[in-house]
Amino acid sequence: MITQEMIDRINELYHKSQDAGLSQEEKEEQQMLRRKYIEAIRTNMRANLNNISIQEADGTITDLGRKYGKIKEV
């Protein structure tokens, strides 16, 4: 999970990279934080997409998470 402090740190490192440049340790920290941020976004997007259901023309409802996602029928 991404916290506001992590987002603030990502932004702080970005602004520092534009002004003065980053040390090697700061560059590695920035990459790690960005990877965590992107993974959190992907996880949230998958969860949202897995909760979509559509109504077919014949009136049946298809749960796309069960059909295409990683949710298994119980």
N, C-alpha and C. Protein backbone atom coordinates (compact mmCIF):
# COMPACT_ATOMS: atom_id res chain seq x y z
N MET A 1 0.83 -1.17 0.00
CA MET A 1 0.00 0.00 0.00
C MET A 1 0.89 1.24 0.00
N ILE A 2 0.46 2.21 -0.73
CA ILE A 2 1.20 3.45 -0.83
C ILE A 2 0.63 4.46 0.15
N THR A 3 1.50 5.06 0.94
CA THR A 3 1.07 6.07 1.90
C THR A 3 1.34 7.46 1.33
N GLN A 4 0.75 8.44 1.93
CA GLN A 4 0.97 9.82 1.49
C GLN A 4 2.43 10.22 1.68
N GLU A 5 3.08 9.68 2.71
CA GLU A 5 4.49 9.99 2.93
C GLU A 5 5.35 9.46 1.77
N MET A 6 4.99 8.28 1.25
CA MET A 6 5.74 7.72 0.12
C MET A 6 5.56 8.59 -1.13
N ILE A 7 4.34 9.03 -1.36
CA ILE A 7 4.07 9.90 -2.51
C ILE A 7 4.83 11.22 -2.36
N ASP A 8 4.82 11.77 -1.15
CA ASP A 8 5.55 13.00 -0.89
C ASP A 8 7.04 12.81 -1.15
N ARG A 9 7.57 11.66 -0.75
CA ARG A 9 9.00 11.38 -0.95
C ARG A 9 9.32 11.22 -2.44
N ILE A 10 8.44 10.57 -3.18
CA ILE A 10 8.63 10.46 -4.64
C ILE A 10 8.71 11.85 -5.25
N ASN A 11 7.78 12.72 -4.86
CA ASN A 11 7.76 14.08 -5.40
C ASN A 11 8.99 14.88 -4.97
N GLU A 12 9.40 14.69 -3.73
CA GLU A 12 10.58 15.39 -3.22
C GLU A 12 11.82 14.97 -4.02
N LEU A 13 11.97 13.66 -4.25
CA LEU A 13 13.12 13.19 -5.03
C LEU A 13 13.07 13.68 -6.47
N TYR A 14 11.88 13.74 -7.03
CA TYR A 14 11.75 14.25 -8.41
C TYR A 14 12.22 15.70 -8.48
N HIS A 15 11.72 16.52 -7.57
CA HIS A 15 12.09 17.94 -7.60
C HIS A 15 13.58 18.13 -7.33
N LYS A 16 14.13 17.32 -6.45
CA LYS A 16 15.56 17.41 -6.19
C LYS A 16 16.37 17.00 -7.42
N SER A 17 15.87 15.98 -8.15
CA SER A 17 16.59 15.54 -9.36
C SER A 17 16.58 16.64 -10.42
N GLN A 18 15.54 17.44 -10.46
CA GLN A 18 15.46 18.53 -11.43
C GLN A 18 16.37 19.70 -11.04
N ASP A 19 16.54 19.91 -9.74
CA ASP A 19 17.33 21.06 -9.26
C ASP A 19 18.81 20.73 -9.15
N ALA A 20 19.14 19.76 -8.29
CA ALA A 20 20.55 19.53 -7.97
C ALA A 20 21.07 18.17 -8.39
N GLY A 21 20.19 17.27 -8.76
CA GLY A 21 20.62 15.92 -9.09
C GLY A 21 20.55 15.03 -7.86
N LEU A 22 20.54 13.74 -8.09
CA LEU A 22 20.42 12.77 -7.01
C LEU A 22 21.69 11.96 -6.86
N SER A 23 21.95 11.53 -5.63
CA SER A 23 23.05 10.60 -5.40
C SER A 23 22.59 9.22 -5.87
N GLN A 24 23.51 8.29 -5.96
CA GLN A 24 23.17 6.94 -6.40
C GLN A 24 22.14 6.30 -5.46
N GLU A 25 22.30 6.51 -4.15
CA GLU A 25 21.36 5.95 -3.18
C GLU A 25 19.97 6.55 -3.35
N GLU A 26 19.91 7.84 -3.62
CA GLU A 26 18.61 8.49 -3.83
C GLU A 26 17.96 8.01 -5.12
N LYS A 27 18.76 7.77 -6.16
CA LYS A 27 18.22 7.23 -7.41
C LYS A 27 17.61 5.85 -7.18
N GLU A 28 18.30 5.02 -6.42
CA GLU A 28 17.79 3.68 -6.11
C GLU A 28 16.52 3.75 -5.29
N GLU A 29 16.49 4.67 -4.31
CA GLU A 29 15.28 4.86 -3.51
C GLU A 29 14.12 5.31 -4.38
N GLN A 30 14.39 6.24 -5.30
CA GLN A 30 13.36 6.74 -6.20
C GLN A 30 12.80 5.61 -7.07
N GLN A 31 13.67 4.77 -7.61
CA GLN A 31 13.22 3.65 -8.43
C GLN A 31 12.38 2.67 -7.63
N MET A 32 12.80 2.37 -6.39
CA MET A 32 12.06 1.45 -5.54
C MET A 32 10.67 2.01 -5.21
N LEU A 33 10.61 3.29 -4.87
CA LEU A 33 9.32 3.92 -4.55
C LEU A 33 8.41 3.95 -5.77
N ARG A 34 8.97 4.23 -6.92
CA ARG A 34 8.16 4.25 -8.15
C ARG A 34 7.62 2.86 -8.47
N ARG A 35 8.46 1.83 -8.30
CA ARG A 35 7.99 0.46 -8.54
C ARG A 35 6.85 0.10 -7.62
N LYS A 36 6.97 0.44 -6.33
CA LYS A 36 5.90 0.17 -5.38
C LYS A 36 4.62 0.92 -5.76
N TYR A 37 4.76 2.16 -6.19
CA TYR A 37 3.61 2.97 -6.57
C TYR A 37 2.90 2.35 -7.78
N ILE A 38 3.65 1.98 -8.78
CA ILE A 38 3.07 1.38 -9.99
C ILE A 38 2.40 0.05 -9.66
N GLU A 39 3.01 -0.76 -8.81
CA GLU A 39 2.40 -2.04 -8.43
C GLU A 39 1.09 -1.82 -7.69
N ALA A 40 1.03 -0.81 -6.83
CA ALA A 40 -0.20 -0.50 -6.12
C ALA A 40 -1.30 -0.06 -7.08
N ILE A 41 -0.94 0.75 -8.07
CA ILE A 41 -1.91 1.19 -9.08
C ILE A 41 -2.42 -0.01 -9.87
N ARG A 42 -1.52 -0.91 -10.29
CA ARG A 42 -1.93 -2.10 -11.04
C ARG A 42 -2.85 -3.00 -10.22
N THR A 43 -2.52 -3.19 -8.95
CA THR A 43 -3.34 -4.02 -8.08
C THR A 43 -4.75 -3.44 -7.94
N ASN A 44 -4.83 -2.14 -7.72
CA ASN A 44 -6.13 -1.49 -7.60
C ASN A 44 -6.92 -1.57 -8.90
N MET A 45 -6.24 -1.40 -10.03
CA MET A 45 -6.91 -1.46 -11.32
C MET A 45 -7.45 -2.87 -11.58
N ARG A 46 -6.65 -3.90 -11.27
CA ARG A 46 -7.12 -5.28 -11.45
C ARG A 46 -8.34 -5.56 -10.58
N ALA A 47 -8.30 -5.09 -9.34
CA ALA A 47 -9.43 -5.29 -8.44
C ALA A 47 -10.69 -4.62 -8.99
N ASN A 48 -10.54 -3.42 -9.51
CA ASN A 48 -11.69 -2.72 -10.09
C ASN A 48 -12.22 -3.43 -11.32
N LEU A 49 -11.33 -3.86 -12.19
CA LEU A 49 -11.76 -4.55 -13.40
C LEU A 49 -12.41 -5.90 -13.09
N ASN A 50 -11.93 -6.58 -12.06
CA ASN A 50 -12.50 -7.87 -11.70
C ASN A 50 -13.89 -7.75 -11.08
N ASN A 51 -14.30 -6.54 -10.72
CA ASN A 51 -15.61 -6.33 -10.15
C ASN A 51 -16.64 -5.83 -11.16
N ILE A 52 -16.31 -5.86 -12.43
CA ILE A 52 -17.22 -5.39 -13.47
C ILE A 52 -18.10 -6.54 -13.94
N SER A 53 -19.39 -6.26 -14.03
CA SER A 53 -20.35 -7.20 -14.60
C SER A 53 -21.09 -6.48 -15.72
N ILE A 54 -21.39 -7.22 -16.78
CA ILE A 54 -22.14 -6.62 -17.88
C ILE A 54 -23.41 -7.43 -18.13
N GLN A 55 -24.41 -6.74 -18.59
CA GLN A 55 -25.66 -7.42 -18.93
C GLN A 55 -25.65 -7.68 -20.44
N GLU A 56 -25.80 -8.95 -20.78
CA GLU A 56 -25.79 -9.35 -22.18
C GLU A 56 -27.13 -8.99 -22.83
N ALA A 57 -27.19 -9.09 -24.15
CA ALA A 57 -28.40 -8.76 -24.89
C ALA A 57 -29.57 -9.66 -24.49
N ASP A 58 -29.27 -10.90 -24.10
CA ASP A 58 -30.36 -11.81 -23.71
C ASP A 58 -30.78 -11.63 -22.26
N GLY A 59 -30.20 -10.67 -21.54
CA GLY A 59 -30.59 -10.39 -20.17
C GLY A 59 -29.73 -11.04 -19.12
N THR A 60 -28.86 -11.96 -19.50
CA THR A 60 -27.99 -12.59 -18.51
C THR A 60 -26.88 -11.63 -18.10
N ILE A 61 -26.36 -11.84 -16.93
CA ILE A 61 -25.29 -10.99 -16.41
C ILE A 61 -24.01 -11.80 -16.39
N THR A 62 -22.98 -11.24 -17.00
CA THR A 62 -21.67 -11.89 -17.06
C THR A 62 -20.72 -11.15 -16.12
N ASP A 63 -20.16 -11.88 -15.17
CA ASP A 63 -19.17 -11.33 -14.26
C ASP A 63 -17.81 -11.45 -14.96
N LEU A 64 -17.25 -10.32 -15.37
CA LEU A 64 -16.00 -10.35 -16.13
C LEU A 64 -14.82 -10.80 -15.27
N GLY A 65 -14.89 -10.57 -13.96
CA GLY A 65 -13.83 -11.04 -13.08
C GLY A 65 -13.75 -12.55 -13.07
N ARG A 66 -14.89 -13.19 -13.08
CA ARG A 66 -14.90 -14.66 -13.10
C ARG A 66 -14.57 -15.20 -14.49
N LYS A 67 -14.97 -14.47 -15.53
CA LYS A 67 -14.76 -14.95 -16.89
C LYS A 67 -13.31 -14.75 -17.35
N TYR A 68 -12.75 -13.58 -17.08
CA TYR A 68 -11.42 -13.27 -17.59
C TYR A 68 -10.37 -13.04 -16.52
N GLY A 69 -10.78 -12.70 -15.33
CA GLY A 69 -9.84 -12.36 -14.27
C GLY A 69 -9.35 -13.57 -13.52
N LYS A 70 -8.80 -13.31 -12.38
CA LYS A 70 -8.22 -14.37 -11.56
C LYS A 70 -9.19 -14.86 -10.49
N ILE A 71 -10.42 -14.38 -10.53
CA ILE A 71 -11.42 -14.84 -9.57
C ILE A 71 -11.96 -16.17 -10.05
N LYS A 72 -11.98 -17.15 -9.17
CA LYS A 72 -12.45 -18.48 -9.53
C LYS A 72 -13.86 -18.69 -9.03
N GLU A 73 -14.62 -19.50 -9.75
CA GLU A 73 -15.97 -19.88 -9.31
C GLU A 73 -15.87 -20.66 -8.02
N VAL A 74 -16.78 -20.40 -7.12
CA VAL A 74 -16.77 -21.11 -5.84
C VAL A 74 -17.79 -22.22 -5.87
